[in-house]
Amino acid sequence: MVTSVTSLGRNGLYDWLIQRVSAVVIAVYVIGMVGFLVCSGDLDYRAWSAFMGSAPMRIANTLMVFSVAAHTWIGLWSVTTDYLTGMTFGKAATSVRLIAQVVIALLLLVYILWGLLMIWGGA
């Protein structure tokens, strides 16, 4: 069995499972948010702030941030390993793929940190 050091899980099965679970988390979150917005009627800043500031929503938002990051990483890792190959970039393919993956990882790290800062405060 080959284990990739750049994949999120230990192998393809774990990556597949993480991506499917994260997709379910994202779908449930979006359905819940749409349901809240439809059922809330006249929504003002105070009600929205109270809703988003509650502990269950902070936890749900944190779970959503990590789910989006995991889903994005696995998807873009798959895309970069499938399309940034020697056939498209020649001998520079490994360098191009590594640079693309590092940029993606750094952007996802910024996304996670920024999301957690917005959810849990500090600013």
PDB file of N, CA and C in Angstrom:
ATOM      1  N   MET A   1       0.845  -1.175   0.000  1.00  0.00           N
ATOM      2  CA  MET A   1       0.000   0.000   0.000  1.00  0.00           C
ATOM      3  C   MET A   1       0.893   1.242   0.000  1.00  0.00           C
ATOM      4  N   VAL A   2       0.552   2.186  -0.829  1.00  0.00           N
ATOM      5  CA  VAL A   2       1.304   3.432  -0.931  1.00  0.00           C
ATOM      6  C   VAL A   2       0.603   4.487  -0.093  1.00  0.00           C
ATOM      7  N   THR A   3       1.336   5.165   0.752  1.00  0.00           N
ATOM      8  CA  THR A   3       0.789   6.233   1.571  1.00  0.00           C
ATOM      9  C   THR A   3       1.408   7.542   1.113  1.00  0.00           C
ATOM     10  N   SER A   4       0.559   8.480   0.766  1.00  0.00           N
ATOM     11  CA  SER A   4       1.037   9.780   0.322  1.00  0.00           C
ATOM     12  C   SER A   4       1.167  10.716   1.512  1.00  0.00           C
ATOM     13  N   VAL A   5       2.244  11.450   1.561  1.00  0.00           N
ATOM     14  CA  VAL A   5       2.451  12.378   2.671  1.00  0.00           C
ATOM     15  C   VAL A   5       1.655  13.660   2.500  1.00  0.00           C
ATOM     16  N   THR A   6       1.115  13.909   1.317  1.00  0.00           N
ATOM     17  CA  THR A   6       0.379  15.145   1.097  1.00  0.00           C
ATOM     18  C   THR A   6      -1.126  14.963   1.148  1.00  0.00           C
ATOM     19  N   SER A   7      -1.610  13.748   1.263  1.00  0.00           N
ATOM     20  CA  SER A   7      -3.050  13.562   1.368  1.00  0.00           C
ATOM     21  C   SER A   7      -3.473  13.762   2.816  1.00  0.00           C
ATOM     22  N   LEU A   8      -4.754  14.028   3.038  1.00  0.00           N
ATOM     23  CA  LEU A   8      -5.237  14.318   4.380  1.00  0.00           C
ATOM     24  C   LEU A   8      -5.375  13.042   5.197  1.00  0.00           C
ATOM     25  N   GLY A   9      -5.925  12.005   4.602  1.00  0.00           N
ATOM     26  CA  GLY A   9      -6.077  10.736   5.294  1.00  0.00           C
ATOM     27  C   GLY A   9      -4.848   9.873   5.090  1.00  0.00           C
ATOM     28  N   ARG A  10      -4.925   8.644   5.579  1.00  0.00           N
ATOM     29  CA  ARG A  10      -3.778   7.758   5.432  1.00  0.00           C
ATOM     30  C   ARG A  10      -3.710   7.127   4.048  1.00  0.00           C
ATOM     31  N   ASN A  11      -4.845   7.038   3.379  1.00  0.00           N
ATOM     32  CA  ASN A  11      -4.853   6.514   2.012  1.00  0.00           C
ATOM     33  C   ASN A  11      -6.088   7.045   1.287  1.00  0.00           C
ATOM     34  N   GLY A  12      -6.298   6.566   0.077  1.00  0.00           N
ATOM     35  CA  GLY A  12      -7.411   7.057  -0.726  1.00  0.00           C
ATOM     36  C   GLY A  12      -8.770   6.801  -0.111  1.00  0.00           C
ATOM     37  N   LEU A  13      -8.929   5.676   0.572  1.00  0.00           N
ATOM     38  CA  LEU A  13     -10.213   5.367   1.204  1.00  0.00           C
ATOM     39  C   LEU A  13     -10.536   6.381   2.299  1.00  0.00           C
ATOM     40  N   TYR A  14      -9.552   6.717   3.110  1.00  0.00           N
ATOM     41  CA  TYR A  14      -9.780   7.706   4.168  1.00  0.00           C
ATOM     42  C   TYR A  14     -10.050   9.087   3.575  1.00  0.00           C
ATOM     43  N   ASP A  15      -9.332   9.455   2.529  1.00  0.00           N
ATOM     44  CA  ASP A  15      -9.592  10.737   1.870  1.00  0.00           C
ATOM     45  C   ASP A  15     -11.007  10.764   1.298  1.00  0.00           C
ATOM     46  N   TRP A  16     -11.413   9.675   0.683  1.00  0.00           N
ATOM     47  CA  TRP A  16     -12.765   9.575   0.115  1.00  0.00           C
ATOM     48  C   TRP A  16     -13.802   9.733   1.229  1.00  0.00           C
ATOM     49  N   LEU A  17     -13.588   9.044   2.343  1.00  0.00           N
ATOM     50  CA  LEU A  17     -14.525   9.101   3.453  1.00  0.00           C
ATOM     51  C   LEU A  17     -14.574  10.496   4.071  1.00  0.00           C
ATOM     52  N   ILE A  18     -13.419  11.125   4.258  1.00  0.00           N
ATOM     53  CA  ILE A  18     -13.376  12.480   4.812  1.00  0.00           C
ATOM     54  C   ILE A  18     -14.123  13.445   3.897  1.00  0.00           C
ATOM     55  N   GLN A  19     -13.939  13.295   2.583  1.00  0.00           N
ATOM     56  CA  GLN A  19     -14.609  14.194   1.655  1.00  0.00           C
ATOM     57  C   GLN A  19     -16.119  13.993   1.672  1.00  0.00           C
ATOM     58  N   ARG A  20     -16.569  12.755   1.788  1.00  0.00           N
ATOM     59  CA  ARG A  20     -18.016  12.496   1.831  1.00  0.00           C
ATOM     60  C   ARG A  20     -18.627  12.990   3.133  1.00  0.00           C
ATOM     61  N   VAL A  21     -17.961  12.758   4.255  1.00  0.00           N
ATOM     62  CA  VAL A  21     -18.481  13.231   5.543  1.00  0.00           C
ATOM     63  C   VAL A  21     -18.501  14.758   5.572  1.00  0.00           C
ATOM     64  N   SER A  22     -17.450  15.378   5.072  1.00  0.00           N
ATOM     65  CA  SER A  22     -17.424  16.848   5.053  1.00  0.00           C
ATOM     66  C   SER A  22     -18.514  17.394   4.135  1.00  0.00           C
ATOM     67  N   ALA A  23     -18.810  16.709   3.043  1.00  0.00           N
ATOM     68  CA  ALA A  23     -19.890  17.145   2.153  1.00  0.00           C
ATOM     69  C   ALA A  23     -21.241  17.070   2.860  1.00  0.00           C
ATOM     70  N   VAL A  24     -21.443  16.036   3.664  1.00  0.00           N
ATOM     71  CA  VAL A  24     -22.685  15.917   4.419  1.00  0.00           C
ATOM     72  C   VAL A  24     -22.781  17.036   5.458  1.00  0.00           C
ATOM     73  N   VAL A  25     -21.688  17.324   6.142  1.00  0.00           N
ATOM     74  CA  VAL A  25     -21.678  18.415   7.130  1.00  0.00           C
ATOM     75  C   VAL A  25     -22.009  19.740   6.445  1.00  0.00           C
ATOM     76  N   ILE A  26     -21.406  19.998   5.307  1.00  0.00           N
ATOM     77  CA  ILE A  26     -21.666  21.235   4.569  1.00  0.00           C
ATOM     78  C   ILE A  26     -23.127  21.304   4.142  1.00  0.00           C
ATOM     79  N   ALA A  27     -23.665  20.207   3.628  1.00  0.00           N
ATOM     80  CA  ALA A  27     -25.063  20.183   3.180  1.00  0.00           C
ATOM     81  C   ALA A  27     -26.029  20.412   4.339  1.00  0.00           C
ATOM     82  N   VAL A  28     -25.801  19.757   5.468  1.00  0.00           N
ATOM     83  CA  VAL A  28     -26.672  19.932   6.635  1.00  0.00           C
ATOM     84  C   VAL A  28     -26.595  21.374   7.134  1.00  0.00           C
ATOM     85  N   TYR A  29     -25.403  21.942   7.157  1.00  0.00           N
ATOM     86  CA  TYR A  29     -25.236  23.327   7.593  1.00  0.00           C
ATOM     87  C   TYR A  29     -26.002  24.280   6.676  1.00  0.00           C
ATOM     88  N   VAL A  30     -25.843  24.120   5.379  1.00  0.00           N
ATOM     89  CA  VAL A  30     -26.520  25.012   4.421  1.00  0.00           C
ATOM     90  C   VAL A  30     -28.030  24.865   4.536  1.00  0.00           C
ATOM     91  N   ILE A  31     -28.528  23.641   4.634  1.00  0.00           N
ATOM     92  CA  ILE A  31     -29.972  23.427   4.780  1.00  0.00           C
ATOM     93  C   ILE A  31     -30.468  24.062   6.070  1.00  0.00           C
ATOM     94  N   GLY A  32     -29.706  23.901   7.158  1.00  0.00           N
ATOM     95  CA  GLY A  32     -30.091  24.520   8.425  1.00  0.00           C
ATOM     96  C   GLY A  32     -30.111  26.028   8.359  1.00  0.00           C
ATOM     97  N   MET A  33     -29.118  26.607   7.716  1.00  0.00           N
ATOM     98  CA  MET A  33     -29.065  28.069   7.601  1.00  0.00           C
ATOM     99  C   MET A  33     -30.201  28.595   6.727  1.00  0.00           C
ATOM    100  N   VAL A  34     -30.459  27.921   5.621  1.00  0.00           N
ATOM    101  CA  VAL A  34     -31.579  28.342   4.759  1.00  0.00           C
ATOM    102  C   VAL A  34     -32.891  28.216   5.519  1.00  0.00           C
ATOM    103  N   GLY A  35     -33.051  27.126   6.267  1.00  0.00           N
ATOM    104  CA  GLY A  35     -34.253  26.961   7.078  1.00  0.00           C
ATOM    105  C   GLY A  35     -34.407  28.064   8.104  1.00  0.00           C
ATOM    106  N   PHE A  36     -33.327  28.430   8.764  1.00  0.00           N
ATOM    107  CA  PHE A  36     -33.377  29.518   9.741  1.00  0.00           C
ATOM    108  C   PHE A  36     -33.757  30.831   9.073  1.00  0.00           C
ATOM    109  N   LEU A  37     -33.133  31.120   7.939  1.00  0.00           N
ATOM    110  CA  LEU A  37     -33.415  32.392   7.254  1.00  0.00           C
ATOM    111  C   LEU A  37     -34.853  32.456   6.745  1.00  0.00           C
ATOM    112  N   VAL A  38     -35.378  31.327   6.278  1.00  0.00           N
ATOM    113  CA  VAL A  38     -36.752  31.300   5.778  1.00  0.00           C
ATOM    114  C   VAL A  38     -37.747  31.445   6.931  1.00  0.00           C
ATOM    115  N   CYS A  39     -37.470  30.784   8.044  1.00  0.00           N
ATOM    116  CA  CYS A  39     -38.408  30.763   9.171  1.00  0.00           C
ATOM    117  C   CYS A  39     -38.274  31.955  10.108  1.00  0.00           C
ATOM    118  N   SER A  40     -37.198  32.702  10.016  1.00  0.00           N
ATOM    119  CA  SER A  40     -36.964  33.769  10.993  1.00  0.00           C
ATOM    120  C   SER A  40     -37.807  35.010  10.753  1.00  0.00           C
ATOM    121  N   GLY A  41     -38.326  35.170   9.567  1.00  0.00           N
ATOM    122  CA  GLY A  41     -39.143  36.347   9.283  1.00  0.00           C
ATOM    123  C   GLY A  41     -38.305  37.604   9.229  1.00  0.00           C
ATOM    124  N   ASP A  42     -38.681  38.602  10.047  1.00  0.00           N
ATOM    125  CA  ASP A  42     -37.969  39.875  10.074  1.00  0.00           C
ATOM    126  C   ASP A  42     -36.700  39.716  10.907  1.00  0.00           C
ATOM    127  N   LEU A  43     -35.572  39.676  10.236  1.00  0.00           N
ATOM    128  CA  LEU A  43     -34.297  39.413  10.896  1.00  0.00           C
ATOM    129  C   LEU A  43     -33.494  40.706  10.958  1.00  0.00           C
ATOM    130  N   ASP A  44     -33.129  41.100  12.168  1.00  0.00           N
ATOM    131  CA  ASP A  44     -32.300  42.283  12.329  1.00  0.00           C
ATOM    132  C   ASP A  44     -30.933  41.872  12.873  1.00  0.00           C
ATOM    133  N   TYR A  45     -30.055  42.860  13.036  1.00  0.00           N
ATOM    134  CA  TYR A  45     -28.696  42.583  13.476  1.00  0.00           C
ATOM    135  C   TYR A  45     -28.663  41.940  14.858  1.00  0.00           C
ATOM    136  N   ARG A  46     -29.492  42.414  15.754  1.00  0.00           N
ATOM    137  CA  ARG A  46     -29.502  41.888  17.120  1.00  0.00           C
ATOM    138  C   ARG A  46     -29.862  40.396  17.135  1.00  0.00           C
ATOM    139  N   ALA A  47     -30.891  40.016  16.375  1.00  0.00           N
ATOM    140  CA  ALA A  47     -31.298  38.606  16.328  1.00  0.00           C
ATOM    141  C   ALA A  47     -30.220  37.752  15.656  1.00  0.00           C
ATOM    142  N   TRP A  48     -29.659  38.259  14.566  1.00  0.00           N
ATOM    143  CA  TRP A  48     -28.599  37.517  13.863  1.00  0.00           C
ATOM    144  C   TRP A  48     -27.371  37.360  14.750  1.00  0.00           C
ATOM    145  N   SER A  49     -26.996  38.423  15.448  1.00  0.00           N
ATOM    146  CA  SER A  49     -25.844  38.370  16.332  1.00  0.00           C
ATOM    147  C   SER A  49     -26.068  37.398  17.484  1.00  0.00           C
ATOM    148  N   ALA A  50     -27.264  37.385  18.044  1.00  0.00           N
ATOM    149  CA  ALA A  50     -27.577  36.450  19.127  1.00  0.00           C
ATOM    150  C   ALA A  50     -27.544  35.010  18.617  1.00  0.00           C
ATOM    151  N   PHE A  51     -28.079  34.802  17.429  1.00  0.00           N
ATOM    152  CA  PHE A  51     -28.092  33.459  16.839  1.00  0.00           C
ATOM    153  C   PHE A  51     -26.677  32.970  16.567  1.00  0.00           C
ATOM    154  N   MET A  52     -25.877  33.801  15.916  1.00  0.00           N
ATOM    155  CA  MET A  52     -24.514  33.395  15.579  1.00  0.00           C
ATOM    156  C   MET A  52     -23.589  33.355  16.793  1.00  0.00           C
ATOM    157  N   GLY A  53     -23.917  34.099  17.840  1.00  0.00           N
ATOM    158  CA  GLY A  53     -23.099  34.116  19.036  1.00  0.00           C
ATOM    159  C   GLY A  53     -23.396  32.980  20.004  1.00  0.00           C
ATOM    160  N   SER A  54     -24.448  32.226  19.744  1.00  0.00           N
ATOM    161  CA  SER A  54     -24.786  31.125  20.646  1.00  0.00           C
ATOM    162  C   SER A  54     -23.756  30.005  20.520  1.00  0.00           C
ATOM    163  N   ALA A  55     -23.580  29.267  21.604  1.00  0.00           N
ATOM    164  CA  ALA A  55     -22.577  28.189  21.624  1.00  0.00           C
ATOM    165  C   ALA A  55     -22.829  27.124  20.555  1.00  0.00           C
ATOM    166  N   PRO A  56     -24.078  26.675  20.353  1.00  0.00           N
ATOM    167  CA  PRO A  56     -24.285  25.666  19.302  1.00  0.00           C
ATOM    168  C   PRO A  56     -23.907  26.159  17.899  1.00  0.00           C
ATOM    169  N   MET A  57     -24.196  27.436  17.614  1.00  0.00           N
ATOM    170  CA  MET A  57     -23.837  27.962  16.295  1.00  0.00           C
ATOM    171  C   MET A  57     -22.340  28.180  16.164  1.00  0.00           C
ATOM    172  N   ARG A  58     -21.680  28.549  17.236  1.00  0.00           N
ATOM    173  CA  ARG A  58     -20.216  28.676  17.176  1.00  0.00           C
ATOM    174  C   ARG A  58     -19.580  27.319  16.885  1.00  0.00           C
ATOM    175  N   ILE A  59     -20.107  26.292  17.523  1.00  0.00           N
ATOM    176  CA  ILE A  59     -19.597  24.939  17.275  1.00  0.00           C
ATOM    177  C   ILE A  59     -19.904  24.515  15.841  1.00  0.00           C
ATOM    178  N   ALA A  60     -21.135  24.775  15.388  1.00  0.00           N
ATOM    179  CA  ALA A  60     -21.518  24.428  14.014  1.00  0.00           C
ATOM    180  C   ALA A  60     -20.669  25.187  12.997  1.00  0.00           C
ATOM    181  N   ASN A  61     -20.414  26.462  13.246  1.00  0.00           N
ATOM    182  CA  ASN A  61     -19.588  27.263  12.341  1.00  0.00           C
ATOM    183  C   ASN A  61     -18.148  26.763  12.317  1.00  0.00           C
ATOM    184  N   THR A  62     -17.628  26.378  13.487  1.00  0.00           N
ATOM    185  CA  THR A  62     -16.275  25.829  13.553  1.00  0.00           C
ATOM    186  C   THR A  62     -16.195  24.525  12.770  1.00  0.00           C
ATOM    187  N   LEU A  63     -17.187  23.669  12.950  1.00  0.00           N
ATOM    188  CA  LEU A  63     -17.244  22.413  12.204  1.00  0.00           C
ATOM    189  C   LEU A  63     -17.336  22.678  10.708  1.00  0.00           C
ATOM    190  N   MET A  64     -18.090  23.693  10.341  1.00  0.00           N
ATOM    191  CA  MET A  64     -18.227  24.058   8.928  1.00  0.00           C
ATOM    192  C   MET A  64     -16.890  24.536   8.351  1.00  0.00           C
ATOM    193  N   VAL A  65     -16.170  25.362   9.089  1.00  0.00           N
ATOM    194  CA  VAL A  65     -14.878  25.863   8.612  1.00  0.00           C
ATOM    195  C   VAL A  65     -13.915  24.701   8.371  1.00  0.00           C
ATOM    196  N   PHE A  66     -13.822  23.782   9.334  1.00  0.00           N
ATOM    197  CA  PHE A  66     -12.919  22.646   9.174  1.00  0.00           C
ATOM    198  C   PHE A  66     -13.386  21.698   8.071  1.00  0.00           C
ATOM    199  N   SER A  67     -14.699  21.531   7.917  1.00  0.00           N
ATOM    200  CA  SER A  67     -15.225  20.672   6.851  1.00  0.00           C
ATOM    201  C   SER A  67     -14.921  21.243   5.476  1.00  0.00           C
ATOM    202  N   VAL A  68     -15.111  22.546   5.315  1.00  0.00           N
ATOM    203  CA  VAL A  68     -14.805  23.187   4.029  1.00  0.00           C
ATOM    204  C   VAL A  68     -13.312  23.070   3.726  1.00  0.00           C
ATOM    205  N   ALA A  69     -12.482  23.287   4.740  1.00  0.00           N
ATOM    206  CA  ALA A  69     -11.034  23.198   4.531  1.00  0.00           C
ATOM    207  C   ALA A  69     -10.612  21.778   4.146  1.00  0.00           C
ATOM    208  N   ALA A  70     -11.121  20.776   4.846  1.00  0.00           N
ATOM    209  CA  ALA A  70     -10.770  19.384   4.539  1.00  0.00           C
ATOM    210  C   ALA A  70     -11.280  18.993   3.157  1.00  0.00           C
ATOM    211  N   HIS A  71     -12.512  19.364   2.848  1.00  0.00           N
ATOM    212  CA  HIS A  71     -13.104  19.045   1.552  1.00  0.00           C
ATOM    213  C   HIS A  71     -12.316  19.707   0.418  1.00  0.00           C
ATOM    214  N   THR A  72     -11.958  20.961   0.635  1.00  0.00           N
ATOM    215  CA  THR A  72     -11.201  21.700  -0.370  1.00  0.00           C
ATOM    216  C   THR A  72      -9.813  21.106  -0.561  1.00  0.00           C
ATOM    217  N   TRP A  73      -9.132  20.788   0.530  1.00  0.00           N
ATOM    218  CA  TRP A  73      -7.788  20.246   0.418  1.00  0.00           C
ATOM    219  C   TRP A  73      -7.785  18.930  -0.366  1.00  0.00           C
ATOM    220  N   ILE A  74      -8.691  18.022  -0.021  1.00  0.00           N
ATOM    221  CA  ILE A  74      -8.716  16.727  -0.703  1.00  0.00           C
ATOM    222  C   ILE A  74      -9.059  16.912  -2.177  1.00  0.00           C
ATOM    223  N   GLY A  75     -10.035  17.760  -2.459  1.00  0.00           N
ATOM    224  CA  GLY A  75     -10.415  17.994  -3.853  1.00  0.00           C
ATOM    225  C   GLY A  75      -9.297  18.618  -4.662  1.00  0.00           C
ATOM    226  N   LEU A  76      -8.672  19.662  -4.130  1.00  0.00           N
ATOM    227  CA  LEU A  76      -7.613  20.329  -4.883  1.00  0.00           C
ATOM    228  C   LEU A  76      -6.324  19.512  -4.915  1.00  0.00           C
ATOM    229  N   TRP A  77      -6.075  18.709  -3.885  1.00  0.00           N
ATOM    230  CA  TRP A  77      -4.923  17.802  -3.925  1.00  0.00           C
ATOM    231  C   TRP A  77      -5.117  16.798  -5.063  1.00  0.00           C
ATOM    232  N   SER A  78      -6.349  16.288  -5.187  1.00  0.00           N
ATOM    233  CA  SER A  78      -6.632  15.348  -6.273  1.00  0.00           C
ATOM    234  C   SER A  78      -6.461  16.002  -7.643  1.00  0.00           C
ATOM    235  N   VAL A  79      -6.946  17.219  -7.761  1.00  0.00           N
ATOM    236  CA  VAL A  79      -6.834  17.934  -9.035  1.00  0.00           C
ATOM    237  C   VAL A  79      -5.367  18.200  -9.378  1.00  0.00           C
ATOM    238  N   THR A  80      -4.595  18.664  -8.384  1.00  0.00           N
ATOM    239  CA  THR A  80      -3.195  18.970  -8.685  1.00  0.00           C
ATOM    240  C   THR A  80      -2.395  17.715  -9.016  1.00  0.00           C
ATOM    241  N   THR A  81      -2.666  16.611  -8.344  1.00  0.00           N
ATOM    242  CA  THR A  81      -1.920  15.385  -8.654  1.00  0.00           C
ATOM    243  C   THR A  81      -2.374  14.768  -9.964  1.00  0.00           C
ATOM    244  N   ASP A  82      -3.615  15.017 -10.376  1.00  0.00           N
ATOM    245  CA  ASP A  82      -4.108  14.467 -11.642  1.00  0.00           C
ATOM    246  C   ASP A  82      -3.705  15.305 -12.854  1.00  0.00           C
ATOM    247  N   TYR A  83      -3.648  16.628 -12.705  1.00  0.00           N
ATOM    248  CA  TYR A  83      -3.463  17.491 -13.867  1.00  0.00           C
ATOM    249  C   TYR A  83      -2.125  18.220 -13.933  1.00  0.00           C
ATOM    250  N   LEU A  84      -1.432  18.342 -12.839  1.00  0.00           N
ATOM    251  CA  LEU A  84      -0.113  18.979 -12.882  1.00  0.00           C
ATOM    252  C   LEU A  84       0.931  17.867 -12.952  1.00  0.00           C
ATOM    253  N   THR A  85       1.027  17.266 -14.112  1.00  0.00           N
ATOM    254  CA  THR A  85       1.867  16.084 -14.308  1.00  0.00           C
ATOM    255  C   THR A  85       2.979  16.365 -15.309  1.00  0.00           C
ATOM    256  N   GLY A  86       3.812  15.362 -15.496  1.00  0.00           N
ATOM    257  CA  GLY A  86       4.894  15.460 -16.461  1.00  0.00           C
ATOM    258  C   GLY A  86       4.397  15.640 -17.884  1.00  0.00           C
ATOM    259  N   MET A  87       3.200  15.146 -18.165  1.00  0.00           N
ATOM    260  CA  MET A  87       2.649  15.306 -19.517  1.00  0.00           C
ATOM    261  C   MET A  87       2.302  16.758 -19.813  1.00  0.00           C
ATOM    262  N   THR A  88       1.938  17.518 -18.783  1.00  0.00           N
ATOM    263  CA  THR A  88       1.555  18.910 -19.013  1.00  0.00           C
ATOM    264  C   THR A  88       2.694  19.896 -18.745  1.00  0.00           C
ATOM    265  N   PHE A  89       3.591  19.566 -17.811  1.00  0.00           N
ATOM    266  CA  PHE A  89       4.645  20.512 -17.434  1.00  0.00           C
ATOM    267  C   PHE A  89       6.057  19.961 -17.603  1.00  0.00           C
ATOM    268  N   GLY A  90       6.176  18.766 -18.089  1.00  0.00           N
ATOM    269  CA  GLY A  90       7.502  18.198 -18.299  1.00  0.00           C
ATOM    270  C   GLY A  90       8.235  17.964 -16.998  1.00  0.00           C
ATOM    271  N   LYS A  91       9.534  18.265 -17.025  1.00  0.00           N
ATOM    272  CA  LYS A  91      10.372  18.027 -15.848  1.00  0.00           C
ATOM    273  C   LYS A  91      10.025  18.944 -14.680  1.00  0.00           C
ATOM    274  N   ALA A  92       9.360  20.046 -14.948  1.00  0.00           N
ATOM    275  CA  ALA A  92       9.011  21.000 -13.886  1.00  0.00           C
ATOM    276  C   ALA A  92       7.725  20.623 -13.163  1.00  0.00           C
ATOM    277  N   ALA A  93       7.105  19.527 -13.535  1.00  0.00           N
ATOM    278  CA  ALA A  93       5.799  19.162 -12.990  1.00  0.00           C
ATOM    279  C   ALA A  93       5.820  19.016 -11.469  1.00  0.00           C
ATOM    280  N   THR A  94       6.824  18.356 -10.943  1.00  0.00           N
ATOM    281  CA  THR A  94       6.876  18.158  -9.492  1.00  0.00           C
ATOM    282  C   THR A  94       6.991  19.489  -8.764  1.00  0.00           C
ATOM    283  N   SER A  95       7.810  20.380  -9.273  1.00  0.00           N
ATOM    284  CA  SER A  95       7.964  21.698  -8.652  1.00  0.00           C
ATOM    285  C   SER A  95       6.680  22.510  -8.751  1.00  0.00           C
ATOM    286  N   VAL A  96       6.053  22.490  -9.919  1.00  0.00           N
ATOM    287  CA  VAL A  96       4.809  23.236 -10.115  1.00  0.00           C
ATOM    288  C   VAL A  96       3.733  22.690  -9.188  1.00  0.00           C
ATOM    289  N   ARG A  97       3.621  21.372  -9.105  1.00  0.00           N
ATOM    290  CA  ARG A  97       2.619  20.741  -8.238  1.00  0.00           C
ATOM    291  C   ARG A  97       2.891  21.082  -6.774  1.00  0.00           C
ATOM    292  N   LEU A  98       4.152  21.013  -6.360  1.00  0.00           N
ATOM    293  CA  LEU A  98       4.496  21.317  -4.970  1.00  0.00           C
ATOM    294  C   LEU A  98       4.189  22.772  -4.639  1.00  0.00           C
ATOM    295  N   ILE A  99       4.533  23.681  -5.521  1.00  0.00           N
ATOM    296  CA  ILE A  99       4.249  25.102  -5.295  1.00  0.00           C
ATOM    297  C   ILE A  99       2.742  25.337  -5.205  1.00  0.00           C
ATOM    298  N   ALA A 100       1.981  24.726  -6.115  1.00  0.00           N
ATOM    299  CA  ALA A 100       0.524  24.881  -6.099  1.00  0.00           C
ATOM    300  C   ALA A 100      -0.056  24.340  -4.795  1.00  0.00           C
ATOM    301  N   GLN A 101       0.419  23.183  -4.351  1.00  0.00           N
ATOM    302  CA  GLN A 101      -0.108  22.596  -3.125  1.00  0.00           C
ATOM    303  C   GLN A 101       0.282  23.400  -1.890  1.00  0.00           C
ATOM    304  N   VAL A 102       1.474  23.951  -1.869  1.00  0.00           N
ATOM    305  CA  VAL A 102       1.882  24.789  -0.741  1.00  0.00           C
ATOM    306  C   VAL A 102       1.042  26.067  -0.694  1.00  0.00           C
ATOM    307  N   VAL A 103       0.800  26.683  -1.849  1.00  0.00           N
ATOM    308  CA  VAL A 103      -0.037  27.882  -1.901  1.00  0.00           C
ATOM    309  C   VAL A 103      -1.450  27.556  -1.416  1.00  0.00           C
ATOM    310  N   ILE A 104      -2.003  26.444  -1.882  1.00  0.00           N
ATOM    311  CA  ILE A 104      -3.341  26.029  -1.451  1.00  0.00           C
ATOM    312  C   ILE A 104      -3.358  25.791   0.055  1.00  0.00           C
ATOM    313  N   ALA A 105      -2.357  25.100   0.580  1.00  0.00           N
ATOM    314  CA  ALA A 105      -2.295  24.820   2.017  1.00  0.00           C
ATOM    315  C   ALA A 105      -2.195  26.110   2.827  1.00  0.00           C
ATOM    316  N   LEU A 106      -1.393  27.057   2.367  1.00  0.00           N
ATOM    317  CA  LEU A 106      -1.267  28.334   3.080  1.00  0.00           C
ATOM    318  C   LEU A 106      -2.572  29.124   3.049  1.00  0.00           C
ATOM    319  N   LEU A 107      -3.237  29.138   1.892  1.00  0.00           N
ATOM    320  CA  LEU A 107      -4.527  29.821   1.803  1.00  0.00           C
ATOM    321  C   LEU A 107      -5.565  29.170   2.705  1.00  0.00           C
ATOM    322  N   LEU A 108      -5.560  27.842   2.777  1.00  0.00           N
ATOM    323  CA  LEU A 108      -6.500  27.154   3.666  1.00  0.00           C
ATOM    324  C   LEU A 108      -6.178  27.432   5.130  1.00  0.00           C
ATOM    325  N   LEU A 109      -4.911  27.538   5.463  1.00  0.00           N
ATOM    326  CA  LEU A 109      -4.529  27.881   6.827  1.00  0.00           C
ATOM    327  C   LEU A 109      -5.028  29.280   7.188  1.00  0.00           C
ATOM    328  N   VAL A 110      -4.864  30.218   6.274  1.00  0.00           N
ATOM    329  CA  VAL A 110      -5.377  31.578   6.497  1.00  0.00           C
ATOM    330  C   VAL A 110      -6.895  31.537   6.649  1.00  0.00           C
ATOM    331  N   TYR A 111      -7.586  30.766   5.808  1.00  0.00           N
ATOM    332  CA  TYR A 111      -9.035  30.622   5.880  1.00  0.00           C
ATOM    333  C   TYR A 111      -9.459  30.081   7.246  1.00  0.00           C
ATOM    334  N   ILE A 112      -8.777  29.048   7.720  1.00  0.00           N
ATOM    335  CA  ILE A 112      -9.129  28.447   9.013  1.00  0.00           C
ATOM    336  C   ILE A 112      -8.892  29.440  10.146  1.00  0.00           C
ATOM    337  N   LEU A 113      -7.734  30.068  10.162  1.00  0.00           N
ATOM    338  CA  LEU A 113      -7.427  31.010  11.239  1.00  0.00           C
ATOM    339  C   LEU A 113      -8.361  32.212  11.230  1.00  0.00           C
ATOM    340  N   TRP A 114      -8.647  32.734  10.053  1.00  0.00           N
ATOM    341  CA  TRP A 114      -9.550  33.873   9.927  1.00  0.00           C
ATOM    342  C   TRP A 114     -10.958  33.467  10.358  1.00  0.00           C
ATOM    343  N   GLY A 115     -11.396  32.292   9.939  1.00  0.00           N
ATOM    344  CA  GLY A 115     -12.712  31.795  10.327  1.00  0.00           C
ATOM    345  C   GLY A 115     -12.829  31.624  11.833  1.00  0.00           C
ATOM    346  N   LEU A 116     -11.818  31.030  12.448  1.00  0.00           N
ATOM    347  CA  LEU A 116     -11.855  30.841  13.902  1.00  0.00           C
ATOM    348  C   LEU A 116     -11.820  32.174  14.642  1.00  0.00           C
ATOM    349  N   LEU A 117     -11.083  33.124  14.111  1.00  0.00           N
ATOM    350  CA  LEU A 117     -11.051  34.452  14.713  1.00  0.00           C
ATOM    351  C   LEU A 117     -12.431  35.107  14.647  1.00  0.00           C
ATOM    352  N   MET A 118     -13.113  34.979  13.527  1.00  0.00           N
ATOM    353  CA  MET A 118     -14.447  35.558  13.402  1.00  0.00           C
ATOM    354  C   MET A 118     -15.458  34.838  14.300  1.00  0.00           C
ATOM    355  N   ILE A 119     -15.344  33.519  14.396  1.00  0.00           N
ATOM    356  CA  ILE A 119     -16.312  32.751  15.174  1.00  0.00           C
ATOM    357  C   ILE A 119     -16.124  32.961  16.670  1.00  0.00           C
ATOM    358  N   TRP A 120     -14.909  32.873  17.132  1.00  0.00           N
ATOM    359  CA  TRP A 120     -14.648  32.869  18.570  1.00  0.00           C
ATOM    360  C   TRP A 120     -14.182  34.214  19.108  1.00  0.00           C
ATOM    361  N   GLY A 121     -14.105  35.218  18.238  1.00  0.00           N
ATOM    362  CA  GLY A 121     -13.773  36.569  18.723  1.00  0.00           C
ATOM    363  C   GLY A 121     -12.286  36.839  18.752  1.00  0.00           C
ATOM    364  N   GLY A 122     -11.947  37.840  19.468  1.00  0.00           N
ATOM    365  CA  GLY A 122     -10.548  38.213  19.567  1.00  0.00           C
ATOM    366  C   GLY A 122     -10.246  39.510  18.857  1.00  0.00           C
ATOM    367  N   ALA A 123     -11.201  40.032  18.135  1.00  0.00           N
ATOM    368  CA  ALA A 123     -10.961  41.279  17.410  1.00  0.00           C
ATOM    369  C   ALA A 123     -11.960  42.335  17.847  1.00  0.00           C
TER     370      ALA A 123
END
